[in-house]
């Protein structure tokens, strides 16, 4: 993480800026669940969901 960027939990909610909400696709949810399971967590956290959302934007 770059020193100039804030941690995700310290940033403002992006919904407030755009007024829209974005949901993960079914494949994005599955990707987040796989990442969580690989890390030993029972369900995805914020970082897993952010990673999955970023991957789906690239496609």
N, C-alpha and C. Protein backbone atom coordinates (compact mmCIF):
# COMPACT_ATOMS: atom_id res chain seq x y z
N UNK A 1 0.84 -1.17 0.00
CA UNK A 1 0.00 0.00 0.00
C UNK A 1 0.89 1.24 0.00
N UNK A 2 0.58 2.17 -0.86
CA UNK A 2 1.36 3.39 -0.92
C UNK A 2 1.11 4.23 0.33
N UNK A 3 2.11 5.00 0.71
CA UNK A 3 2.01 5.79 1.93
C UNK A 3 0.97 6.90 1.83
N UNK A 4 0.69 7.39 0.63
CA UNK A 4 -0.23 8.50 0.47
C UNK A 4 -1.69 8.07 0.46
N UNK A 5 -1.96 6.80 0.25
CA UNK A 5 -3.34 6.33 0.21
C UNK A 5 -3.83 5.97 1.60
N UNK A 6 -5.11 6.24 1.85
CA UNK A 6 -5.72 5.86 3.11
C UNK A 6 -6.16 4.40 3.05
N UNK A 7 -6.27 3.80 4.20
CA UNK A 7 -6.78 2.43 4.27
C UNK A 7 -8.24 2.44 3.82
N UNK A 8 -8.73 1.35 3.24
CA UNK A 8 -10.10 1.32 2.72
C UNK A 8 -11.15 1.66 3.78
N UNK A 9 -10.94 1.23 5.00
CA UNK A 9 -11.93 1.48 6.05
C UNK A 9 -11.87 2.91 6.57
N UNK A 10 -10.88 3.71 6.13
CA UNK A 10 -10.80 5.11 6.53
C UNK A 10 -11.25 6.05 5.41
N UNK A 11 -11.57 5.51 4.25
CA UNK A 11 -12.03 6.32 3.13
C UNK A 11 -13.54 6.56 3.21
N UNK A 12 -13.99 7.57 2.51
CA UNK A 12 -15.43 7.85 2.43
C UNK A 12 -16.10 6.76 1.59
N UNK A 13 -17.36 6.55 1.85
CA UNK A 13 -18.14 5.58 1.12
C UNK A 13 -18.28 6.04 -0.33
N UNK A 14 -17.92 5.22 -1.33
CA UNK A 14 -18.01 5.65 -2.72
C UNK A 14 -19.44 5.93 -3.16
N UNK A 15 -20.42 5.32 -2.51
CA UNK A 15 -21.82 5.55 -2.86
C UNK A 15 -22.17 7.02 -2.66
N UNK A 16 -21.59 7.66 -1.65
CA UNK A 16 -21.88 9.06 -1.39
C UNK A 16 -21.39 9.95 -2.52
N UNK A 17 -20.31 9.56 -3.16
CA UNK A 17 -19.74 10.38 -4.22
C UNK A 17 -20.52 10.25 -5.53
N UNK A 18 -20.92 9.02 -5.87
CA UNK A 18 -21.57 8.80 -7.16
C UNK A 18 -23.08 8.73 -7.08
N UNK A 19 -23.60 8.38 -5.91
CA UNK A 19 -25.04 8.23 -5.77
C UNK A 19 -25.55 6.89 -6.26
N UNK A 20 -24.65 6.03 -6.75
CA UNK A 20 -25.04 4.72 -7.27
C UNK A 20 -24.38 3.63 -6.45
N UNK A 21 -25.00 2.47 -6.43
CA UNK A 21 -24.38 1.31 -5.79
C UNK A 21 -23.99 0.32 -6.88
N UNK A 22 -22.94 -0.42 -6.64
CA UNK A 22 -22.48 -1.43 -7.58
C UNK A 22 -22.37 -2.75 -6.83
N UNK A 23 -22.97 -3.77 -7.38
CA UNK A 23 -22.95 -5.08 -6.74
C UNK A 23 -22.01 -6.01 -7.49
N UNK A 24 -21.43 -6.94 -6.77
CA UNK A 24 -20.57 -7.93 -7.41
C UNK A 24 -21.41 -8.89 -8.24
N UNK A 25 -20.84 -9.32 -9.35
CA UNK A 25 -21.51 -10.33 -10.16
C UNK A 25 -21.38 -11.68 -9.44
N UNK A 26 -22.04 -12.67 -9.96
CA UNK A 26 -21.98 -14.01 -9.37
C UNK A 26 -20.56 -14.53 -9.39
N UNK A 27 -19.85 -14.30 -10.49
CA UNK A 27 -18.46 -14.75 -10.57
C UNK A 27 -17.56 -13.95 -9.63
N UNK A 28 -17.87 -12.67 -9.43
CA UNK A 28 -17.11 -11.85 -8.49
C UNK A 28 -17.28 -12.33 -7.06
N UNK A 29 -18.52 -12.70 -6.71
CA UNK A 29 -18.78 -13.23 -5.38
C UNK A 29 -18.02 -14.54 -5.16
N UNK A 30 -18.03 -15.39 -6.18
CA UNK A 30 -17.31 -16.67 -6.09
C UNK A 30 -15.82 -16.44 -5.93
N UNK A 31 -15.28 -15.47 -6.65
CA UNK A 31 -13.86 -15.14 -6.55
C UNK A 31 -13.50 -14.65 -5.15
N UNK A 32 -14.35 -13.82 -4.58
CA UNK A 32 -14.12 -13.31 -3.23
C UNK A 32 -14.19 -14.44 -2.21
N UNK A 33 -15.13 -15.35 -2.39
CA UNK A 33 -15.26 -16.49 -1.48
C UNK A 33 -14.04 -17.40 -1.56
N UNK A 34 -13.53 -17.61 -2.78
CA UNK A 34 -12.32 -18.44 -2.94
C UNK A 34 -11.12 -17.80 -2.25
N UNK A 35 -10.97 -16.49 -2.41
CA UNK A 35 -9.85 -15.78 -1.78
C UNK A 35 -9.95 -15.86 -0.26
N UNK A 36 -11.15 -15.76 0.27
CA UNK A 36 -11.34 -15.84 1.72
C UNK A 36 -11.01 -17.24 2.22
N UNK A 37 -11.48 -18.24 1.50
CA UNK A 37 -11.23 -19.62 1.92
C UNK A 37 -9.73 -19.93 1.87
N UNK A 38 -9.06 -19.42 0.85
CA UNK A 38 -7.62 -19.63 0.72
C UNK A 38 -6.86 -18.99 1.88
N UNK A 39 -7.38 -17.88 2.39
CA UNK A 39 -6.75 -17.17 3.51
C UNK A 39 -7.20 -17.70 4.87
N UNK A 40 -8.10 -18.68 4.86
CA UNK A 40 -8.54 -19.29 6.12
C UNK A 40 -9.71 -18.59 6.79
N UNK A 41 -10.41 -17.74 6.05
CA UNK A 41 -11.57 -17.05 6.61
C UNK A 41 -12.84 -17.74 6.13
N UNK A 42 -13.89 -17.78 6.96
CA UNK A 42 -15.13 -18.46 6.56
C UNK A 42 -15.95 -17.68 5.53
N UNK A 43 -15.75 -16.38 5.43
CA UNK A 43 -16.49 -15.57 4.47
C UNK A 43 -15.62 -14.40 4.04
N UNK A 44 -15.91 -13.78 2.88
CA UNK A 44 -15.09 -12.69 2.36
C UNK A 44 -15.18 -11.42 3.21
N UNK A 45 -14.05 -10.72 3.29
CA UNK A 45 -14.04 -9.43 3.99
C UNK A 45 -13.97 -8.31 2.94
N UNK A 46 -13.83 -7.10 3.40
CA UNK A 46 -13.80 -5.93 2.52
C UNK A 46 -12.70 -6.03 1.46
N UNK A 47 -11.53 -6.49 1.87
CA UNK A 47 -10.40 -6.57 0.96
C UNK A 47 -10.67 -7.60 -0.14
N UNK A 48 -11.25 -8.74 0.21
CA UNK A 48 -11.60 -9.75 -0.79
C UNK A 48 -12.61 -9.20 -1.79
N UNK A 49 -13.61 -8.49 -1.29
CA UNK A 49 -14.63 -7.92 -2.17
C UNK A 49 -14.05 -6.83 -3.07
N UNK A 50 -13.15 -6.02 -2.53
CA UNK A 50 -12.52 -4.96 -3.34
C UNK A 50 -11.67 -5.58 -4.45
N UNK A 51 -10.94 -6.64 -4.12
CA UNK A 51 -10.11 -7.32 -5.11
C UNK A 51 -10.98 -7.91 -6.23
N UNK A 52 -12.09 -8.53 -5.86
CA UNK A 52 -12.99 -9.11 -6.85
C UNK A 52 -13.62 -8.03 -7.73
N UNK A 53 -13.99 -6.91 -7.14
CA UNK A 53 -14.57 -5.80 -7.92
C UNK A 53 -13.55 -5.22 -8.88
N UNK A 54 -12.32 -5.10 -8.44
CA UNK A 54 -11.27 -4.56 -9.31
C UNK A 54 -11.00 -5.50 -10.48
N UNK A 55 -11.01 -6.80 -10.24
CA UNK A 55 -10.80 -7.76 -11.31
C UNK A 55 -11.93 -7.72 -12.33
N UNK A 56 -13.17 -7.56 -11.85
CA UNK A 56 -14.30 -7.53 -12.77
C UNK A 56 -14.29 -6.25 -13.61
N UNK A 57 -13.73 -5.14 -13.10
CA UNK A 57 -13.62 -3.91 -13.88
C UNK A 57 -12.64 -4.07 -15.03
N UNK A 58 -11.58 -4.86 -14.80
CA UNK A 58 -10.54 -5.03 -15.82
C UNK A 58 -11.06 -5.80 -17.03
N UNK A 59 -12.05 -6.66 -16.83
CA UNK A 59 -12.55 -7.50 -17.94
C UNK A 59 -13.42 -6.76 -18.89
